Structure formats: C-alpha cells, structure tokens
Amino acid sequence: MKLPDHSSKPPRKEPFSELRSAFDLFFSEKPIKGILQSMDELFTLSFTERSFPLDVQEKDDRYIVAAQLPGIPRQQIDIEMLKQSLVITVTQQAALEKRNDLNSDIHREQSLRKMSKTISFNKPINDKNITANHKDGLLLVTVPKIKGKRISISE
C-alpha cells in the first residue's frame, strides 16, 4: 500500500493569519496608534499621580502620620477618622478661562483631581484627641493610642 505524497501541496495557512495581519496594520498606523498611546498615557498617569508620599511611625503612646503635600493648601486636604483607620484625601480643582476680545469667544477648562490614602492602625486608638498640623507642604497627624489595662498573672 502506497501512502499519498503530500510534499507537493502548498503549506497550509493559519485560518486567521490574514485577519491578524490586517488588525496589526490597522492599529500600528496613525491616528489609531495615537489614540491608543493617549489612552495608555491617561491610564498610566491616572494611577501613578493619584498618590503622595506617606510615612507612619509608631511610638509607645501614639502614631505619627506624615504626608508630603508640597504646594497643596490646607483647604484642599480632608482628614477622616474611621473605626481603626485614617483617610487623607486631597482634592485639587483648577479652572482656566481664556477670552478673545475680538470675537468674544470664551474657552473654559476645569479639572478635578483626587488623591487618597487610607492608613490602618493595628492598636486601639483614641479618636477624640487626634491632632493635625499642616506647614510648608508637610501634613503631620498625631493619633494617640488607647492604653490597655495590664493584667498580672498569679500562680
């Protein structure tokens, strides 16, 4: 019995190779490539810029939270105390208006940017005596701990 000779047949193409090539060509050309790059930049910047440096130190009787917020006025900072955590939120609003006196065109832009960090504490805290100070771009929040009662162990 003789087997059929397949060596003379042309190589078989992948079923979606032409479609994939068309998509690759479509997404590599302008303006689509520019739109995709813009979307990448939007998401990259959105996630990297929504944060600020923060340091938490634990002392015997308190926590000290230091947030570096240069150029941010006190009015744009909100501190909220939750059960065992502290939330620091910075809201930056900006408005820009350009007027053209010749044809009275007005161009307005507004932006809103929020950054937030939550700090959880592992020891009970006294939320009635928390203090906050903002000076020269540094926010210091002092969170006192609640002292527990020591129990002696007898034999």
C-alpha atoms as a PDB file:
ATOM      1  CA  MET A   1       0.000   0.000   0.000  1.00  0.00           C
ATOM      2  CA  LYS A   2       1.398   3.327  -1.055  1.00  0.00           C
ATOM      3  CA  LEU A   3       0.908   6.467   1.070  1.00  0.00           C
ATOM      4  CA  PRO A   4      -0.157   9.671  -0.673  1.00  0.00           C
ATOM      5  CA  ASP A   5       2.595  12.170  -1.350  1.00  0.00           C
ATOM      6  CA  HIS A   6       1.790  15.480   0.473  1.00  0.00           C
ATOM      7  CA  SER A   7       5.094  17.147  -0.287  1.00  0.00           C
ATOM      8  CA  SER A   8       3.754  18.813  -3.420  1.00  0.00           C
ATOM      9  CA  LYS A   9       0.890  20.623  -1.587  1.00  0.00           C
ATOM     10  CA  PRO A  10       1.415  24.291  -0.638  1.00  0.00           C
ATOM     11  CA  PRO A  11       1.896  24.925   3.102  1.00  0.00           C
ATOM     12  CA  ARG A  12      -1.370  25.344   4.977  1.00  0.00           C
ATOM     13  CA  LYS A  13      -2.081  28.882   6.269  1.00  0.00           C
ATOM     14  CA  GLU A  14      -3.411  29.590   9.725  1.00  0.00           C
ATOM     15  CA  PRO A  15      -7.108  30.375   9.437  1.00  0.00           C
ATOM     16  CA  PHE A  16      -6.854  33.859  10.999  1.00  0.00           C
ATOM     17  CA  SER A  17      -3.406  34.949   9.839  1.00  0.00           C
ATOM     18  CA  GLU A  18      -4.724  37.403   7.243  1.00  0.00           C
ATOM     19  CA  LEU A  19      -7.185  38.896   9.715  1.00  0.00           C
ATOM     20  CA  ARG A  20      -4.461  39.239  12.354  1.00  0.00           C
ATOM     21  CA  SER A  21      -2.184  40.958   9.817  1.00  0.00           C
ATOM     22  CA  ALA A  22      -4.962  43.397   8.930  1.00  0.00           C
ATOM     23  CA  PHE A  23      -5.518  44.236  12.622  1.00  0.00           C
ATOM     24  CA  ASP A  24      -1.795  44.687  13.219  1.00  0.00           C
ATOM     25  CA  LEU A  25      -1.572  47.059  10.263  1.00  0.00           C
ATOM     26  CA  PHE A  26      -4.705  48.970  11.345  1.00  0.00           C
ATOM     27  CA  PHE A  27      -3.542  49.518  14.945  1.00  0.00           C
ATOM     28  CA  SER A  28       0.032  50.431  14.015  1.00  0.00           C
ATOM     29  CA  GLU A  29      -0.952  53.379  11.796  1.00  0.00           C
ATOM     30  CA  LYS A  30      -1.952  56.901  12.786  1.00  0.00           C
ATOM     31  CA  PRO A  31      -4.449  58.111  14.028  1.00  0.00           C
ATOM     32  CA  ILE A  32      -5.373  54.864  15.808  1.00  0.00           C
ATOM     33  CA  LYS A  33      -1.847  54.432  17.151  1.00  0.00           C
ATOM     34  CA  GLY A  34      -2.013  57.984  18.546  1.00  0.00           C
ATOM     35  CA  ILE A  35      -5.366  57.304  20.203  1.00  0.00           C
ATOM     36  CA  LEU A  36      -4.080  54.103  21.784  1.00  0.00           C
ATOM     37  CA  GLN A  37      -0.938  55.871  23.023  1.00  0.00           C
ATOM     38  CA  SER A  38      -3.104  58.633  24.506  1.00  0.00           C
ATOM     39  CA  MET A  39      -5.247  56.063  26.293  1.00  0.00           C
ATOM     40  CA  ASP A  40      -2.126  54.347  27.646  1.00  0.00           C
ATOM     41  CA  GLU A  41      -0.781  57.685  28.910  1.00  0.00           C
ATOM     42  CA  LEU A  42      -4.137  58.527  30.514  1.00  0.00           C
ATOM     43  CA  PHE A  43      -4.262  55.300  32.493  1.00  0.00           C
ATOM     44  CA  THR A  44      -0.556  55.363  33.349  1.00  0.00           C
ATOM     45  CA  LEU A  45      -0.692  58.950  34.607  1.00  0.00           C
ATOM     46  CA  SER A  46      -4.018  58.423  36.353  1.00  0.00           C
ATOM     47  CA  PHE A  47      -2.677  55.676  38.548  1.00  0.00           C
ATOM     48  CA  THR A  48       0.827  56.980  39.178  1.00  0.00           C
ATOM     49  CA  GLU A  49      -0.194  60.531  40.054  1.00  0.00           C
ATOM     50  CA  ARG A  50      -3.017  59.628  42.425  1.00  0.00           C
ATOM     51  CA  SER A  51      -0.708  59.182  45.334  1.00  0.00           C
ATOM     52  CA  PHE A  52       1.528  61.115  47.662  1.00  0.00           C
ATOM     53  CA  PRO A  53       4.455  60.129  49.892  1.00  0.00           C
ATOM     54  CA  LEU A  54       3.387  58.984  53.339  1.00  0.00           C
ATOM     55  CA  ASP A  55       5.283  57.826  56.410  1.00  0.00           C
ATOM     56  CA  VAL A  56       3.778  56.243  59.543  1.00  0.00           C
ATOM     57  CA  GLN A  57       5.761  55.954  62.750  1.00  0.00           C
ATOM     58  CA  GLU A  58       4.553  54.020  65.776  1.00  0.00           C
ATOM     59  CA  LYS A  59       5.577  55.289  69.212  1.00  0.00           C
ATOM     60  CA  ASP A  60       4.669  53.809  72.619  1.00  0.00           C
ATOM     61  CA  ASP A  61       1.669  56.108  73.092  1.00  0.00           C
ATOM     62  CA  ARG A  62       0.813  57.349  69.576  1.00  0.00           C
ATOM     63  CA  TYR A  63       1.097  57.042  65.812  1.00  0.00           C
ATOM     64  CA  ILE A  64       2.578  59.878  63.771  1.00  0.00           C
ATOM     65  CA  VAL A  65       1.451  60.107  60.163  1.00  0.00           C
ATOM     66  CA  ALA A  66       3.495  62.410  57.898  1.00  0.00           C
ATOM     67  CA  ALA A  67       2.237  63.194  54.386  1.00  0.00           C
ATOM     68  CA  GLN A  68       4.302  65.228  51.936  1.00  0.00           C
ATOM     69  CA  LEU A  69       1.904  67.571  50.130  1.00  0.00           C
ATOM     70  CA  PRO A  70       4.012  70.383  48.616  1.00  0.00           C
ATOM     71  CA  GLY A  71       2.035  73.203  47.040  1.00  0.00           C
ATOM     72  CA  ILE A  72      -1.306  71.939  48.340  1.00  0.00           C
ATOM     73  CA  PRO A  73      -3.222  74.409  50.525  1.00  0.00           C
ATOM     74  CA  ARG A  74      -4.824  73.254  53.768  1.00  0.00           C
ATOM     75  CA  GLN A  75      -8.323  73.887  52.349  1.00  0.00           C
ATOM     76  CA  GLN A  76      -7.816  71.092  49.793  1.00  0.00           C
ATOM     77  CA  ILE A  77      -6.958  68.466  52.418  1.00  0.00           C
ATOM     78  CA  ASP A  78      -9.608  66.366  54.148  1.00  0.00           C
ATOM     79  CA  ILE A  79      -8.871  64.014  57.047  1.00  0.00           C
ATOM     80  CA  GLU A  80     -11.473  61.473  58.073  1.00  0.00           C
ATOM     81  CA  MET A  81     -11.274  59.094  61.010  1.00  0.00           C
ATOM     82  CA  LEU A  82     -12.912  55.724  60.582  1.00  0.00           C
ATOM     83  CA  LYS A  83     -13.056  52.851  63.063  1.00  0.00           C
ATOM     84  CA  GLN A  84      -9.363  51.834  63.131  1.00  0.00           C
ATOM     85  CA  SER A  85      -8.124  53.847  60.178  1.00  0.00           C
ATOM     86  CA  LEU A  86      -7.396  57.343  58.959  1.00  0.00           C
ATOM     87  CA  VAL A  87      -8.226  58.566  55.448  1.00  0.00           C
ATOM     88  CA  ILE A  88      -6.350  61.520  53.967  1.00  0.00           C
ATOM     89  CA  THR A  89      -7.900  62.941  50.788  1.00  0.00           C
ATOM     90  CA  VAL A  90      -6.538  65.757  48.653  1.00  0.00           C
ATOM     91  CA  THR A  91      -8.887  67.426  46.174  1.00  0.00           C
ATOM     92  CA  GLN A  92      -7.328  69.743  43.633  1.00  0.00           C
ATOM     93  CA  GLN A  93      -9.596  71.867  41.471  1.00  0.00           C
ATOM     94  CA  ALA A  94      -8.414  74.127  38.712  1.00  0.00           C
ATOM     95  CA  ALA A  95     -10.294  76.372  36.321  1.00  0.00           C
ATOM     96  CA  LEU A  96      -8.889  78.122  33.282  1.00  0.00           C
ATOM     97  CA  GLU A  97     -10.762  80.662  31.190  1.00  0.00           C
ATOM     98  CA  LYS A  98      -9.454  82.275  28.015  1.00  0.00           C
ATOM     99  CA  ARG A  99     -11.260  85.182  26.375  1.00  0.00           C
ATOM    100  CA  ASN A 100     -10.786  86.577  22.907  1.00  0.00           C
ATOM    101  CA  ASP A 101     -11.903  90.215  22.863  1.00  0.00           C
ATOM    102  CA  LEU A 102     -12.090  90.382  19.074  1.00  0.00           C
ATOM    103  CA  ASN A 103     -14.894  87.877  18.596  1.00  0.00           C
ATOM    104  CA  SER A 104     -15.892  87.355  22.261  1.00  0.00           C
ATOM    105  CA  ASP A 105     -15.031  83.672  22.257  1.00  0.00           C
ATOM    106  CA  ILE A 106     -14.661  82.061  25.642  1.00  0.00           C
ATOM    107  CA  HIS A 107     -12.765  78.862  26.250  1.00  0.00           C
ATOM    108  CA  ARG A 108     -13.179  77.263  29.674  1.00  0.00           C
ATOM    109  CA  GLU A 109     -11.402  74.259  31.136  1.00  0.00           C
ATOM    110  CA  GLN A 110     -11.972  72.702  34.524  1.00  0.00           C
ATOM    111  CA  SER A 111     -10.160  69.837  36.135  1.00  0.00           C
ATOM    112  CA  LEU A 112     -10.646  67.881  39.322  1.00  0.00           C
ATOM    113  CA  ARG A 113      -8.055  65.536  40.739  1.00  0.00           C
ATOM    114  CA  LYS A 114      -8.455  63.477  43.896  1.00  0.00           C
ATOM    115  CA  MET A 115      -5.756  61.577  45.722  1.00  0.00           C
ATOM    116  CA  SER A 116      -6.487  59.472  48.761  1.00  0.00           C
ATOM    117  CA  LYS A 117      -4.640  57.212  51.179  1.00  0.00           C
ATOM    118  CA  THR A 118      -6.003  55.052  53.967  1.00  0.00           C
ATOM    119  CA  ILE A 119      -3.857  54.164  56.964  1.00  0.00           C
ATOM    120  CA  SER A 120      -4.997  51.270  59.153  1.00  0.00           C
ATOM    121  CA  PHE A 121      -3.833  51.011  62.766  1.00  0.00           C
ATOM    122  CA  ASN A 122      -3.306  47.690  64.488  1.00  0.00           C
ATOM    123  CA  LYS A 123      -3.725  49.012  68.072  1.00  0.00           C
ATOM    124  CA  PRO A 124      -6.840  50.737  69.516  1.00  0.00           C
ATOM    125  CA  ILE A 125      -6.743  54.499  69.004  1.00  0.00           C
ATOM    126  CA  ASN A 126      -8.219  57.493  70.790  1.00  0.00           C
ATOM    127  CA  ASP A 127     -10.073  59.266  68.001  1.00  0.00           C
ATOM    128  CA  LYS A 128     -11.147  62.172  70.273  1.00  0.00           C
ATOM    129  CA  ASN A 129      -7.590  63.521  70.714  1.00  0.00           C
ATOM    130  CA  ILE A 130      -6.256  63.356  67.154  1.00  0.00           C
ATOM    131  CA  THR A 131      -4.384  66.486  66.067  1.00  0.00           C
ATOM    132  CA  ALA A 132      -3.290  67.637  62.616  1.00  0.00           C
ATOM    133  CA  ASN A 133      -0.800  70.303  61.553  1.00  0.00           C
ATOM    134  CA  HIS A 134      -0.039  71.492  58.010  1.00  0.00           C
ATOM    135  CA  LYS A 135       3.045  73.625  57.407  1.00  0.00           C
ATOM    136  CA  ASP A 136       5.450  74.044  54.462  1.00  0.00           C
ATOM    137  CA  GLY A 137       3.876  71.191  52.486  1.00  0.00           C
ATOM    138  CA  LEU A 138       4.076  68.692  55.344  1.00  0.00           C
ATOM    139  CA  LEU A 139       0.937  67.335  56.995  1.00  0.00           C
ATOM    140  CA  LEU A 140       1.519  65.797  60.424  1.00  0.00           C
ATOM    141  CA  VAL A 141      -1.296  63.856  62.063  1.00  0.00           C
ATOM    142  CA  THR A 142      -0.829  62.588  65.622  1.00  0.00           C
ATOM    143  CA  VAL A 143      -3.099  59.691  66.570  1.00  0.00           C
ATOM    144  CA  PRO A 144      -2.981  58.733  70.272  1.00  0.00           C
ATOM    145  CA  LYS A 145      -3.253  55.075  71.268  1.00  0.00           C
ATOM    146  CA  ILE A 146      -5.581  53.805  73.957  1.00  0.00           C
ATOM    147  CA  LYS A 147      -3.618  52.210  76.751  1.00  0.00           C
ATOM    148  CA  GLY A 148      -4.848  48.801  77.746  1.00  0.00           C
ATOM    149  CA  LYS A 149      -5.007  47.551  81.300  1.00  0.00           C
ATOM    150  CA  ARG A 150      -2.157  45.258  82.293  1.00  0.00           C
ATOM    151  CA  ILE A 151      -3.258  42.063  83.937  1.00  0.00           C
ATOM    152  CA  SER A 152      -0.961  40.315  86.358  1.00  0.00           C
ATOM    153  CA  ILE A 153      -0.733  36.565  86.234  1.00  0.00           C
ATOM    154  CA  SER A 154      -0.818  34.738  89.538  1.00  0.00           C
ATOM    155  CA  GLU A 155       0.401  31.220  90.327  1.00  0.00           C
END
